[in-house]
Amino acid sequence: MMVQDVFAMAMRWAHALAALLWIGGTLFYALVLRPAQQRTQEPQSRQLNQAIGQEFRSWVNLSIGVLVISGAALTLARLASGVATPAYLFFLGVKVLLALITFFLFFLVRSQQRRRASVSPPATGPAKGETSPWARARGLLSAPNLILALGIVVFLLVDVLRYLVERSLPGG
């Protein structure tokens, strides 16, 4: 195994781990933590939510840095390998664009939360008693939910790109 192979493997591992941390953490928040907090209306719940958010944001910041650095290294290596077909380049462009939108949404949400630090966290679902389709749609289209959905689509595009590379290899 050559040095560049070890480097590429380390970059793939770092990239996957950073994506797993961000998307997995967001899934845990959306599916477990947020519903549990909505059931408890205690003052400690708000304080706990703020503390968790602060910790998680620092890990997401790290993840974004790792994703950008490792993603750039992996992209350059893949483009230099000569297996990048036009279809690969198209899906790579879509993946990078969606990742950039995801990063932008994260930083937008973070800056809004900083401005509202003294106010209770924004509701990401319909308000209690509000059952109109518009209220449910507003909750589903909240920035945290869009970040999660886009992250999952980016994860899917990783497999599409892997498939396109494997198909372009000799014997693939």
N, C-alpha and C. Protein backbone atom coordinates (compact mmCIF):
# COMPACT_ATOMS: atom_id res chain seq x y z
N MET A 1 0.85 -1.17 0.00
CA MET A 1 0.00 0.00 0.00
C MET A 1 0.90 1.23 0.00
N MET A 2 0.62 2.13 -0.92
CA MET A 2 1.44 3.34 -1.07
C MET A 2 0.90 4.46 -0.18
N VAL A 3 1.72 5.47 0.00
CA VAL A 3 1.36 6.59 0.87
C VAL A 3 0.08 7.26 0.39
N GLN A 4 -0.07 7.45 -0.92
CA GLN A 4 -1.28 8.10 -1.43
C GLN A 4 -2.52 7.23 -1.19
N ASP A 5 -2.37 5.92 -1.16
CA ASP A 5 -3.50 5.04 -0.85
C ASP A 5 -3.93 5.21 0.61
N VAL A 6 -2.95 5.29 1.50
CA VAL A 6 -3.24 5.50 2.93
C VAL A 6 -3.91 6.86 3.11
N PHE A 7 -3.40 7.87 2.43
CA PHE A 7 -3.98 9.21 2.51
C PHE A 7 -5.42 9.20 2.01
N ALA A 8 -5.66 8.56 0.87
CA ALA A 8 -7.02 8.50 0.31
C ALA A 8 -7.96 7.76 1.26
N MET A 9 -7.47 6.68 1.85
CA MET A 9 -8.29 5.92 2.79
C MET A 9 -8.62 6.77 4.03
N ALA A 10 -7.63 7.50 4.52
CA ALA A 10 -7.86 8.38 5.67
C ALA A 10 -8.85 9.49 5.33
N MET A 11 -8.76 10.03 4.13
CA MET A 11 -9.70 11.08 3.71
C MET A 11 -11.13 10.52 3.59
N ARG A 12 -11.26 9.33 3.01
CA ARG A 12 -12.59 8.71 2.90
C ARG A 12 -13.17 8.44 4.28
N TRP A 13 -12.34 7.94 5.18
CA TRP A 13 -12.79 7.63 6.53
C TRP A 13 -13.21 8.91 7.26
N ALA A 14 -12.38 9.96 7.18
CA ALA A 14 -12.70 11.23 7.83
C ALA A 14 -13.98 11.83 7.25
N HIS A 15 -14.13 11.75 5.94
CA HIS A 15 -15.31 12.30 5.27
C HIS A 15 -16.56 11.55 5.72
N ALA A 16 -16.49 10.24 5.74
CA ALA A 16 -17.65 9.43 6.15
C ALA A 16 -17.97 9.66 7.62
N LEU A 17 -16.97 9.73 8.47
CA LEU A 17 -17.20 9.93 9.90
C LEU A 17 -17.82 11.30 10.17
N ALA A 18 -17.34 12.32 9.48
CA ALA A 18 -17.89 13.67 9.66
C ALA A 18 -19.35 13.72 9.21
N ALA A 19 -19.65 13.08 8.08
CA ALA A 19 -21.03 13.05 7.59
C ALA A 19 -21.92 12.25 8.54
N LEU A 20 -21.40 11.16 9.04
CA LEU A 20 -22.15 10.33 9.98
C LEU A 20 -22.46 11.11 11.26
N LEU A 21 -21.48 11.83 11.76
CA LEU A 21 -21.67 12.62 12.98
C LEU A 21 -22.77 13.66 12.77
N TRP A 22 -22.70 14.38 11.67
CA TRP A 22 -23.67 15.45 11.44
C TRP A 22 -25.06 14.89 11.17
N ILE A 23 -25.18 14.00 10.20
CA ILE A 23 -26.49 13.48 9.82
C ILE A 23 -27.05 12.58 10.93
N GLY A 24 -26.20 11.73 11.51
CA GLY A 24 -26.67 10.87 12.60
C GLY A 24 -27.12 11.68 13.81
N GLY A 25 -26.34 12.71 14.15
CA GLY A 25 -26.72 13.57 15.26
C GLY A 25 -28.02 14.31 14.99
N THR A 26 -28.19 14.76 13.77
CA THR A 26 -29.42 15.46 13.40
C THR A 26 -30.62 14.51 13.42
N LEU A 27 -30.43 13.29 12.96
CA LEU A 27 -31.51 12.30 13.04
C LEU A 27 -31.89 12.02 14.49
N PHE A 28 -30.88 11.87 15.35
CA PHE A 28 -31.17 11.64 16.76
C PHE A 28 -31.95 12.81 17.34
N TYR A 29 -31.54 14.01 17.01
CA TYR A 29 -32.24 15.19 17.51
C TYR A 29 -33.68 15.21 17.02
N ALA A 30 -33.88 15.00 15.71
CA ALA A 30 -35.21 15.11 15.12
C ALA A 30 -36.14 13.98 15.55
N LEU A 31 -35.62 12.77 15.68
CA LEU A 31 -36.48 11.62 15.95
C LEU A 31 -36.62 11.27 17.43
N VAL A 32 -35.64 11.68 18.25
CA VAL A 32 -35.65 11.27 19.66
C VAL A 32 -35.70 12.48 20.60
N LEU A 33 -34.70 13.33 20.50
CA LEU A 33 -34.55 14.40 21.48
C LEU A 33 -35.66 15.45 21.38
N ARG A 34 -35.92 15.96 20.20
CA ARG A 34 -36.94 17.01 20.05
C ARG A 34 -38.31 16.54 20.48
N PRO A 35 -38.78 15.34 20.05
CA PRO A 35 -40.09 14.88 20.54
C PRO A 35 -40.13 14.70 22.06
N ALA A 36 -39.04 14.23 22.65
CA ALA A 36 -39.01 14.06 24.11
C ALA A 36 -39.08 15.42 24.80
N GLN A 37 -38.38 16.39 24.26
CA GLN A 37 -38.41 17.73 24.86
C GLN A 37 -39.77 18.38 24.70
N GLN A 38 -40.46 18.11 23.62
CA GLN A 38 -41.78 18.71 23.41
C GLN A 38 -42.80 18.14 24.39
N ARG A 39 -42.57 16.93 24.88
CA ARG A 39 -43.47 16.34 25.87
C ARG A 39 -43.24 16.90 27.26
N THR A 40 -42.04 17.40 27.51
CA THR A 40 -41.74 17.98 28.82
C THR A 40 -41.67 19.49 28.67
N GLN A 41 -42.47 20.17 29.41
CA GLN A 41 -42.51 21.64 29.32
C GLN A 41 -41.82 22.29 30.52
N GLU A 42 -40.90 21.60 31.10
CA GLU A 42 -40.20 22.11 32.28
C GLU A 42 -39.16 23.15 31.86
N PRO A 43 -38.87 24.10 32.75
CA PRO A 43 -37.84 25.12 32.44
C PRO A 43 -36.48 24.49 32.15
N GLN A 44 -36.18 23.36 32.80
CA GLN A 44 -34.89 22.71 32.56
C GLN A 44 -34.78 22.22 31.12
N SER A 45 -35.91 21.89 30.51
CA SER A 45 -35.90 21.40 29.13
C SER A 45 -35.32 22.44 28.19
N ARG A 46 -35.69 23.70 28.39
CA ARG A 46 -35.18 24.78 27.54
C ARG A 46 -33.68 24.95 27.75
N GLN A 47 -33.25 24.92 29.00
CA GLN A 47 -31.82 25.06 29.30
C GLN A 47 -31.03 23.89 28.74
N LEU A 48 -31.59 22.70 28.88
CA LEU A 48 -30.92 21.51 28.34
C LEU A 48 -30.84 21.61 26.82
N ASN A 49 -31.91 22.04 26.17
CA ASN A 49 -31.92 22.19 24.73
C ASN A 49 -30.85 23.17 24.27
N GLN A 50 -30.70 24.28 24.98
CA GLN A 50 -29.68 25.26 24.63
C GLN A 50 -28.27 24.69 24.81
N ALA A 51 -28.05 23.96 25.89
CA ALA A 51 -26.74 23.35 26.14
C ALA A 51 -26.42 22.30 25.08
N ILE A 52 -27.40 21.47 24.76
CA ILE A 52 -27.20 20.44 23.73
C ILE A 52 -26.92 21.09 22.39
N GLY A 53 -27.69 22.12 22.07
CA GLY A 53 -27.50 22.82 20.80
C GLY A 53 -26.11 23.42 20.69
N GLN A 54 -25.63 23.99 21.77
CA GLN A 54 -24.30 24.58 21.77
C GLN A 54 -23.22 23.51 21.54
N GLU A 55 -23.33 22.40 22.24
CA GLU A 55 -22.36 21.31 22.07
C GLU A 55 -22.42 20.74 20.64
N PHE A 56 -23.65 20.48 20.18
CA PHE A 56 -23.80 19.88 18.86
C PHE A 56 -23.29 20.81 17.76
N ARG A 57 -23.54 22.11 17.90
CA ARG A 57 -23.06 23.08 16.90
C ARG A 57 -21.54 23.04 16.79
N SER A 58 -20.85 22.88 17.92
CA SER A 58 -19.39 22.83 17.84
C SER A 58 -18.94 21.58 17.08
N TRP A 59 -19.62 20.47 17.27
CA TRP A 59 -19.28 19.25 16.54
C TRP A 59 -19.64 19.38 15.06
N VAL A 60 -20.75 20.04 14.76
CA VAL A 60 -21.12 20.26 13.36
C VAL A 60 -20.11 21.19 12.68
N ASN A 61 -19.66 22.22 13.39
CA ASN A 61 -18.63 23.10 12.83
C ASN A 61 -17.39 22.29 12.45
N LEU A 62 -16.96 21.42 13.35
CA LEU A 62 -15.82 20.55 13.07
C LEU A 62 -16.13 19.65 11.87
N SER A 63 -17.33 19.09 11.85
CA SER A 63 -17.72 18.20 10.75
C SER A 63 -17.67 18.93 9.41
N ILE A 64 -18.17 20.16 9.39
CA ILE A 64 -18.16 20.93 8.14
C ILE A 64 -16.73 21.16 7.67
N GLY A 65 -15.86 21.52 8.57
CA GLY A 65 -14.47 21.70 8.19
C GLY A 65 -13.86 20.43 7.63
N VAL A 66 -14.10 19.31 8.30
CA VAL A 66 -13.57 18.02 7.83
C VAL A 66 -14.19 17.66 6.49
N LEU A 67 -15.49 17.88 6.34
CA LEU A 67 -16.17 17.56 5.07
C LEU A 67 -15.60 18.38 3.91
N VAL A 68 -15.36 19.66 4.14
CA VAL A 68 -14.84 20.52 3.08
C VAL A 68 -13.42 20.09 2.69
N ILE A 69 -12.57 19.90 3.69
CA ILE A 69 -11.17 19.55 3.40
C ILE A 69 -11.08 18.16 2.77
N SER A 70 -11.72 17.18 3.40
CA SER A 70 -11.64 15.81 2.85
C SER A 70 -12.38 15.72 1.52
N GLY A 71 -13.49 16.42 1.39
CA GLY A 71 -14.24 16.40 0.12
C GLY A 71 -13.43 16.98 -1.02
N ALA A 72 -12.71 18.07 -0.75
CA ALA A 72 -11.87 18.66 -1.80
C ALA A 72 -10.75 17.69 -2.19
N ALA A 73 -10.12 17.06 -1.19
CA ALA A 73 -9.03 16.11 -1.48
C ALA A 73 -9.56 14.91 -2.27
N LEU A 74 -10.71 14.39 -1.85
CA LEU A 74 -11.28 13.23 -2.54
C LEU A 74 -11.72 13.58 -3.96
N THR A 75 -12.28 14.76 -4.13
CA THR A 75 -12.72 15.20 -5.46
C THR A 75 -11.53 15.35 -6.39
N LEU A 76 -10.48 16.00 -5.91
CA LEU A 76 -9.29 16.16 -6.75
C LEU A 76 -8.68 14.81 -7.12
N ALA A 77 -8.64 13.90 -6.16
CA ALA A 77 -8.09 12.57 -6.45
C ALA A 77 -8.94 11.83 -7.47
N ARG A 78 -10.25 11.92 -7.33
CA ARG A 78 -11.14 11.23 -8.26
C ARG A 78 -11.03 11.84 -9.66
N LEU A 79 -10.98 13.14 -9.75
CA LEU A 79 -10.87 13.79 -11.05
C LEU A 79 -9.54 13.48 -11.71
N ALA A 80 -8.49 13.37 -10.91
CA ALA A 80 -7.16 13.05 -11.45
C ALA A 80 -7.05 11.59 -11.87
N SER A 81 -7.93 10.74 -11.35
CA SER A 81 -7.83 9.31 -11.66
C SER A 81 -8.30 8.97 -13.07
N GLY A 82 -9.02 9.86 -13.69
CA GLY A 82 -9.47 9.62 -15.06
C GLY A 82 -10.73 8.80 -15.18
N VAL A 83 -11.40 8.47 -14.10
CA VAL A 83 -12.63 7.67 -14.18
C VAL A 83 -13.88 8.53 -14.07
N ALA A 84 -13.71 9.85 -14.06
CA ALA A 84 -14.86 10.74 -13.93
C ALA A 84 -15.54 10.92 -15.29
N THR A 85 -16.69 10.29 -15.43
CA THR A 85 -17.48 10.40 -16.64
C THR A 85 -18.35 11.67 -16.57
N PRO A 86 -18.96 12.07 -17.68
CA PRO A 86 -19.88 13.22 -17.62
C PRO A 86 -21.01 13.02 -16.59
N ALA A 87 -21.53 11.81 -16.50
CA ALA A 87 -22.58 11.54 -15.51
C ALA A 87 -22.03 11.72 -14.10
N TYR A 88 -20.81 11.25 -13.88
CA TYR A 88 -20.18 11.41 -12.56
C TYR A 88 -20.03 12.90 -12.24
N LEU A 89 -19.56 13.68 -13.19
CA LEU A 89 -19.37 15.11 -12.96
C LEU A 89 -20.70 15.80 -12.66
N PHE A 90 -21.77 15.39 -13.35
CA PHE A 90 -23.09 15.97 -13.12
C PHE A 90 -23.53 15.69 -11.68
N PHE A 91 -23.49 14.43 -11.27
CA PHE A 91 -23.94 14.08 -9.92
C PHE A 91 -23.02 14.65 -8.84
N LEU A 92 -21.73 14.75 -9.14
CA LEU A 92 -20.81 15.39 -8.22
C LEU A 92 -21.18 16.86 -8.03
N GLY A 93 -21.51 17.53 -9.13
CA GLY A 93 -21.93 18.93 -9.05
C GLY A 93 -23.19 19.09 -8.23
N VAL A 94 -24.15 18.18 -8.42
CA VAL A 94 -25.39 18.23 -7.64
C VAL A 94 -25.07 18.00 -6.16
N LYS A 95 -24.22 17.03 -5.88
CA LYS A 95 -23.86 16.74 -4.49
C LYS A 95 -23.19 17.94 -3.83
N VAL A 96 -22.24 18.55 -4.51
CA VAL A 96 -21.54 19.71 -3.95
C VAL A 96 -22.51 20.88 -3.75
N LEU A 97 -23.39 21.11 -4.71
CA LEU A 97 -24.37 22.19 -4.59
C LEU A 97 -25.29 21.96 -3.39
N LEU A 98 -25.81 20.74 -3.24
CA LEU A 98 -26.68 20.44 -2.10
C LEU A 98 -25.93 20.55 -0.78
N ALA A 99 -24.67 20.13 -0.76
CA ALA A 99 -23.87 20.25 0.46
C ALA A 99 -23.67 21.73 0.81
N LEU A 100 -23.40 22.56 -0.18
CA LEU A 100 -23.23 23.99 0.07
C LEU A 100 -24.53 24.63 0.58
N ILE A 101 -25.65 24.23 0.03
CA ILE A 101 -26.95 24.73 0.50
C ILE A 101 -27.16 24.29 1.95
N THR A 102 -26.80 23.06 2.26
CA THR A 102 -26.93 22.54 3.62
C THR A 102 -26.07 23.35 4.58
N PHE A 103 -24.82 23.61 4.20
CA PHE A 103 -23.94 24.41 5.04
C PHE A 103 -24.54 25.81 5.25
N PHE A 104 -25.02 26.41 4.16
CA PHE A 104 -25.61 27.74 4.26
C PHE A 104 -26.80 27.75 5.22
N LEU A 105 -27.68 26.76 5.10
CA LEU A 105 -28.84 26.69 5.99
C LEU A 105 -28.40 26.53 7.44
N PHE A 106 -27.40 25.71 7.67
CA PHE A 106 -26.90 25.52 9.04
C PHE A 106 -26.41 26.84 9.62
N PHE A 107 -25.59 27.57 8.86
CA PHE A 107 -25.06 28.83 9.36
C PHE A 107 -26.16 29.88 9.50
N LEU A 108 -27.16 29.84 8.63
CA LEU A 108 -28.30 30.75 8.75
C LEU A 108 -29.08 30.47 10.03
N VAL A 109 -29.38 29.20 10.29
CA VAL A 109 -30.09 28.82 11.52
C VAL A 109 -29.28 29.21 12.74
N ARG A 110 -27.98 28.96 12.70
CA ARG A 110 -27.12 29.28 13.84
C ARG A 110 -27.11 30.78 14.11
N SER A 111 -27.04 31.60 13.07
CA SER A 111 -27.02 33.05 13.30
C SER A 111 -28.37 33.53 13.82
N GLN A 112 -29.47 32.93 13.36
CA GLN A 112 -30.79 33.29 13.88
C GLN A 112 -30.92 32.89 15.35
N GLN A 113 -30.38 31.73 15.71
CA GLN A 113 -30.46 31.28 17.09
C GLN A 113 -29.63 32.17 18.00
N ARG A 114 -28.52 32.66 17.52
CA ARG A 114 -27.71 33.57 18.34
C ARG A 114 -28.47 34.86 18.63
N ARG A 115 -29.21 35.36 17.62
CA ARG A 115 -29.97 36.58 17.81
C ARG A 115 -31.13 36.38 18.78
N ARG A 116 -31.67 35.16 18.83
CA ARG A 116 -32.80 34.88 19.71
C ARG A 116 -32.38 34.08 20.94
N ALA A 117 -31.18 34.24 21.38
CA ALA A 117 -30.65 33.41 22.47
C ALA A 117 -31.50 33.48 23.73
N SER A 118 -32.13 34.60 23.97
CA SER A 118 -32.91 34.73 25.20
C SER A 118 -34.36 34.29 25.04
N VAL A 119 -34.75 33.93 23.83
CA VAL A 119 -36.13 33.50 23.56
C VAL A 119 -36.15 31.98 23.46
N SER A 120 -37.27 31.38 23.76
CA SER A 120 -37.37 29.92 23.69
C SER A 120 -37.08 29.46 22.26
N PRO A 121 -36.59 28.23 22.08
CA PRO A 121 -36.23 27.72 20.76
C PRO A 121 -37.44 27.73 19.85
N PRO A 122 -37.22 27.98 18.54
CA PRO A 122 -38.33 28.03 17.61
C PRO A 122 -39.00 26.67 17.48
N ALA A 123 -40.28 26.69 17.30
CA ALA A 123 -41.02 25.45 17.09
C ALA A 123 -40.72 24.95 15.69
N THR A 124 -40.47 23.68 15.56
CA THR A 124 -40.20 23.13 14.23
C THR A 124 -41.38 22.33 13.74
N GLY A 125 -42.40 22.24 14.52
CA GLY A 125 -43.61 21.56 14.11
C GLY A 125 -44.78 22.50 14.32
N PRO A 126 -45.99 22.05 14.01
CA PRO A 126 -47.14 22.91 14.21
C PRO A 126 -47.33 23.21 15.69
N ALA A 127 -47.84 24.40 15.99
CA ALA A 127 -48.11 24.75 17.38
C ALA A 127 -49.19 23.85 17.93
N LYS A 128 -49.19 23.69 19.26
CA LYS A 128 -50.20 22.83 19.87
C LYS A 128 -51.58 23.30 19.47
N GLY A 129 -52.43 22.37 19.04
CA GLY A 129 -53.79 22.69 18.64
C GLY A 129 -53.88 23.11 17.18
N GLU A 130 -52.76 23.36 16.53
CA GLU A 130 -52.76 23.79 15.14
C GLU A 130 -52.61 22.55 14.26
N THR A 131 -53.65 22.22 13.51
CA THR A 131 -53.61 21.00 12.70
C THR A 131 -53.86 21.26 11.23
N SER A 132 -53.83 22.51 10.80
CA SER A 132 -54.07 22.80 9.39
C SER A 132 -52.94 22.22 8.54
N PRO A 133 -53.23 21.90 7.29
CA PRO A 133 -52.17 21.38 6.41
C PRO A 133 -51.01 22.38 6.28
N TRP A 134 -51.32 23.67 6.26
CA TRP A 134 -50.26 24.67 6.14
C TRP A 134 -49.35 24.65 7.37
N ALA A 135 -49.93 24.49 8.55
CA ALA A 135 -49.13 24.44 9.78
C ALA A 135 -48.23 23.21 9.77
N ARG A 136 -48.76 22.07 9.34
CA ARG A 136 -47.92 20.86 9.27
C ARG A 136 -46.82 21.02 8.23
N ALA A 137 -47.14 21.62 7.08
CA ALA A 137 -46.14 21.83 6.03
C ALA A 137 -45.04 22.77 6.51
N ARG A 138 -45.43 23.82 7.24
CA ARG A 138 -44.45 24.75 7.80
C ARG A 138 -43.47 24.02 8.72
N GLY A 139 -44.02 23.12 9.53
CA GLY A 139 -43.16 22.35 10.43
C GLY A 139 -42.23 21.43 9.67
N LEU A 140 -42.74 20.79 8.61
CA LEU A 140 -41.91 19.88 7.83
C LEU A 140 -40.84 20.62 7.04
N LEU A 141 -41.13 21.85 6.63
CA LEU A 141 -40.19 22.61 5.82
C LEU A 141 -39.30 23.53 6.65
N SER A 142 -39.21 23.29 7.94
CA SER A 142 -38.34 24.10 8.77
C SER A 142 -36.89 23.87 8.36
N ALA A 143 -36.04 24.84 8.66
CA ALA A 143 -34.63 24.73 8.27
C ALA A 143 -33.96 23.47 8.82
N PRO A 144 -34.15 23.11 10.11
CA PRO A 144 -33.51 21.87 10.57
C PRO A 144 -33.97 20.64 9.79
N ASN A 145 -35.24 20.58 9.46
CA ASN A 145 -35.73 19.43 8.68
C ASN A 145 -35.18 19.45 7.26
N LEU A 146 -35.06 20.63 6.66
CA LEU A 146 -34.47 20.73 5.32
C LEU A 146 -33.00 20.34 5.34
N ILE A 147 -32.28 20.75 6.38
CA ILE A 147 -30.88 20.37 6.53
C ILE A 147 -30.76 18.85 6.59
N LEU A 148 -31.62 18.23 7.37
CA LEU A 148 -31.61 16.77 7.49
C LEU A 148 -31.93 16.11 6.16
N ALA A 149 -32.98 16.57 5.49
CA ALA A 149 -33.38 15.97 4.21
C ALA A 149 -32.28 16.12 3.16
N LEU A 150 -31.70 17.30 3.08
CA LEU A 150 -30.61 17.51 2.11
C LEU A 150 -29.40 16.64 2.45
N GLY A 151 -29.10 16.50 3.73
CA GLY A 151 -27.99 15.64 4.13
C GLY A 151 -28.21 14.20 3.72
N ILE A 152 -29.44 13.74 3.86
CA ILE A 152 -29.76 12.36 3.46
C ILE A 152 -29.64 12.20 1.95
N VAL A 153 -30.08 13.21 1.19
CA VAL A 153 -29.94 13.15 -0.27
C VAL A 153 -28.47 13.14 -0.67
N VAL A 154 -27.65 13.95 0.01
CA VAL A 154 -26.21 13.95 -0.26
C VAL A 154 -25.63 12.57 0.02
N PHE A 155 -26.06 11.94 1.10
CA PHE A 155 -25.63 10.57 1.41
C PHE A 155 -25.99 9.62 0.27
N LEU A 156 -27.19 9.75 -0.27
CA LEU A 156 -27.62 8.93 -1.40
C LEU A 156 -26.73 9.17 -2.61
N LEU A 157 -26.39 10.43 -2.85
CA LEU A 157 -25.55 10.74 -4.00
C LEU A 157 -24.15 10.14 -3.88
N VAL A 158 -23.68 9.91 -2.68
CA VAL A 158 -22.39 9.22 -2.49
C VAL A 158 -22.46 7.84 -3.13
N ASP A 159 -23.56 7.13 -2.90
CA ASP A 159 -23.70 5.80 -3.49
C ASP A 159 -23.85 5.87 -5.01
N VAL A 160 -24.55 6.88 -5.50
CA VAL A 160 -24.67 7.06 -6.95
C VAL A 160 -23.29 7.27 -7.55
N LEU A 161 -22.49 8.13 -6.93
CA LEU A 161 -21.14 8.40 -7.44
C LEU A 161 -20.27 7.14 -7.38
N ARG A 162 -20.38 6.40 -6.29
CA ARG A 162 -19.60 5.15 -6.17
C ARG A 162 -20.00 4.17 -7.28
N TYR A 163 -21.29 4.06 -7.54
CA TYR A 163 -21.78 3.18 -8.61
C TYR A 163 -21.22 3.62 -9.96
N LEU A 164 -21.24 4.92 -10.23
CA LEU A 164 -20.75 5.41 -11.52
C LEU A 164 -19.27 5.14 -11.68
N VAL A 165 -18.49 5.26 -10.62
CA VAL A 165 -17.05 4.97 -10.68
C VAL A 165 -16.84 3.48 -10.93
N GLU A 166 -17.53 2.64 -10.18
CA GLU A 166 -17.36 1.19 -10.33
C GLU A 166 -17.77 0.74 -11.73
N ARG A 167 -18.80 1.36 -12.28
CA ARG A 167 -19.25 1.00 -13.62
C ARG A 167 -18.24 1.42 -14.69
N SER A 168 -17.49 2.51 -14.41
CA SER A 168 -16.53 3.00 -15.41
C SER A 168 -15.19 2.26 -15.36
N LEU A 169 -14.96 1.47 -14.30
CA LEU A 169 -13.71 0.73 -14.21
C LEU A 169 -13.72 -0.44 -15.19
N PRO A 170 -12.54 -0.86 -15.65
CA PRO A 170 -12.47 -2.01 -16.54
C PRO A 170 -13.09 -3.24 -15.89
N GLY A 171 -13.99 -3.88 -16.60
CA GLY A 171 -14.67 -5.06 -16.08
C GLY A 171 -15.88 -4.70 -15.24
N GLY A 172 -16.21 -3.39 -15.11
CA GLY A 172 -17.33 -2.94 -14.27
C GLY A 172 -18.55 -2.74 -15.00
